[in-house]
Amino acid sequence: MIHRPLLALALALSLLALATLPALPALADSNAGRERDHDHDRARAALLAGEVLPLGQILERVQRLHPGHMLEVELEREDGRWIYEIKLLQASGGLLELEVDARDGSVLRRSRERR
């Protein structure tokens, strides 16, 4: 038989755990926000150090060679160098994914998906 004080304690802890559940998504969003802020700081530092070209210059070059509607751009660090990963929706309806060297704007890889 469980003593009443232990039962009350177990019930109180259960209610406390349930009460904190709604806060979990906010905590996850908060951590994701800090990570995004850190990524932004790293990208800004790389730009100021001359390790990457400004995104505007990269997009101008990409649009000349591969016209389309830009859907997504990410700046990643891969094998010691900065890479812009760019997704474009082309007039044909196809999706074009490019990896662009962030230092000089050269296209390193392209991948097309037809729709």
Protein backbone atom coordinates (compact mmCIF):
# COMPACT_ATOMS: atom_id res chain seq x y z
CA MET A 1 0.00 0.00 0.00
CA ILE A 2 1.31 3.47 -0.98
CA HIS A 3 1.35 6.05 1.77
CA ARG A 4 -0.71 9.12 1.17
CA PRO A 5 2.25 11.54 1.31
CA LEU A 6 4.09 9.53 -1.37
CA LEU A 7 0.96 9.35 -3.50
CA ALA A 8 0.46 13.11 -3.18
CA LEU A 9 4.10 13.72 -4.10
CA ALA A 10 3.85 11.44 -7.16
CA LEU A 11 0.66 13.21 -8.24
CA ALA A 12 2.22 16.65 -7.77
CA LEU A 13 5.30 15.68 -9.81
CA SER A 14 3.11 14.28 -12.58
CA LEU A 15 1.07 17.48 -12.73
CA LEU A 16 4.26 19.55 -12.78
CA ALA A 17 5.62 17.50 -15.68
CA LEU A 18 2.37 17.95 -17.60
CA ALA A 19 2.37 21.68 -16.94
CA THR A 20 5.83 22.09 -18.49
CA LEU A 21 4.99 20.26 -21.74
CA PRO A 22 3.58 23.33 -23.51
CA ALA A 23 6.89 25.14 -22.91
CA LEU A 24 8.99 22.53 -24.74
CA PRO A 25 8.36 23.84 -28.30
CA ALA A 26 9.26 27.35 -27.16
CA LEU A 27 12.53 26.07 -25.73
CA ALA A 28 13.30 24.26 -28.98
CA ASP A 29 12.53 27.41 -30.99
CA SER A 30 14.74 29.42 -28.65
CA ASN A 31 17.66 27.04 -29.22
CA ALA A 32 17.09 27.10 -32.99
CA GLY A 33 17.06 30.89 -32.88
CA ARG A 34 20.40 30.98 -31.07
CA GLU A 35 21.83 28.56 -33.65
CA ARG A 36 20.58 30.76 -36.51
CA ASP A 37 22.11 33.80 -34.80
CA HIS A 38 25.42 31.97 -34.52
CA ASP A 39 25.27 31.00 -38.22
CA HIS A 40 24.58 34.63 -39.10
CA ASP A 41 27.57 35.76 -37.06
CA ARG A 42 29.83 33.19 -38.74
CA ALA A 43 28.65 34.27 -42.20
CA ARG A 44 29.20 37.95 -41.40
CA ALA A 45 32.70 37.22 -40.07
CA ALA A 46 33.53 35.27 -43.24
CA LEU A 47 32.33 38.18 -45.39
CA LEU A 48 34.33 40.74 -43.40
CA ALA A 49 37.42 38.53 -43.60
CA GLY A 50 37.09 38.32 -47.39
CA GLU A 51 36.45 34.58 -47.29
CA VAL A 52 33.13 34.88 -49.14
CA LEU A 53 31.63 37.16 -51.76
CA PRO A 54 28.44 39.02 -50.87
CA LEU A 55 25.31 37.04 -51.65
CA GLY A 56 24.13 39.74 -54.08
CA GLN A 57 27.18 39.23 -56.28
CA ILE A 58 26.75 35.46 -56.21
CA LEU A 59 23.08 35.71 -57.15
CA GLU A 60 23.81 38.10 -60.05
CA ARG A 61 26.28 35.58 -61.50
CA VAL A 62 23.93 32.66 -60.96
CA GLN A 63 20.99 34.48 -62.59
CA ARG A 64 23.07 35.27 -65.70
CA LEU A 65 24.03 31.62 -66.16
CA HIS A 66 20.93 29.94 -64.73
CA PRO A 67 17.82 32.13 -64.88
CA GLY A 68 15.06 31.19 -62.50
CA HIS A 69 13.19 32.04 -59.33
CA MET A 70 15.35 31.66 -56.24
CA LEU A 71 13.71 29.40 -53.68
CA GLU A 72 16.41 28.92 -51.08
CA VAL A 73 19.99 29.89 -50.27
CA GLU A 74 22.22 28.48 -47.55
CA LEU A 75 25.83 29.22 -46.71
CA GLU A 76 27.62 26.12 -45.46
CA ARG A 77 31.17 25.32 -44.45
CA GLU A 78 32.29 22.10 -46.19
CA ASP A 79 35.78 20.63 -46.11
CA GLY A 80 37.30 23.92 -45.02
CA ARG A 81 35.63 26.15 -47.60
CA TRP A 82 32.44 28.17 -47.77
CA ILE A 83 29.76 26.97 -50.18
CA TYR A 84 26.52 28.69 -51.17
CA GLU A 85 23.81 26.08 -51.74
CA ILE A 86 21.18 27.60 -54.03
CA LYS A 87 17.84 26.18 -55.19
CA LEU A 88 16.19 27.72 -58.25
CA LEU A 89 12.82 27.08 -59.87
CA GLN A 90 13.36 27.31 -63.61
CA ALA A 91 10.80 28.44 -66.21
CA SER A 92 10.44 24.82 -67.34
CA GLY A 93 9.19 23.93 -63.86
CA GLY A 94 12.36 22.05 -63.02
CA LEU A 95 14.29 22.49 -59.82
CA LEU A 96 17.97 23.38 -60.14
CA GLU A 97 20.26 22.91 -57.16
CA LEU A 98 23.67 24.57 -57.30
CA GLU A 99 26.71 24.47 -55.08
CA VAL A 100 28.72 27.65 -55.59
CA ASP A 101 32.17 28.39 -54.21
CA ALA A 102 31.52 31.38 -51.95
CA ARG A 103 35.03 32.76 -52.43
CA ASP A 104 34.97 33.18 -56.23
CA GLY A 105 31.41 32.40 -57.40
CA SER A 106 32.32 29.35 -59.47
CA VAL A 107 29.66 26.64 -59.79
CA LEU A 108 31.03 23.46 -58.25
CA ARG A 109 28.02 21.20 -58.73
CA ARG A 110 24.63 21.40 -60.38
CA SER A 111 21.75 19.01 -60.11
CA ARG A 112 18.45 19.21 -62.02
CA GLU A 113 15.14 17.66 -61.11
CA ARG A 114 12.51 17.64 -63.83
CA ARG A 115 8.85 17.94 -62.88
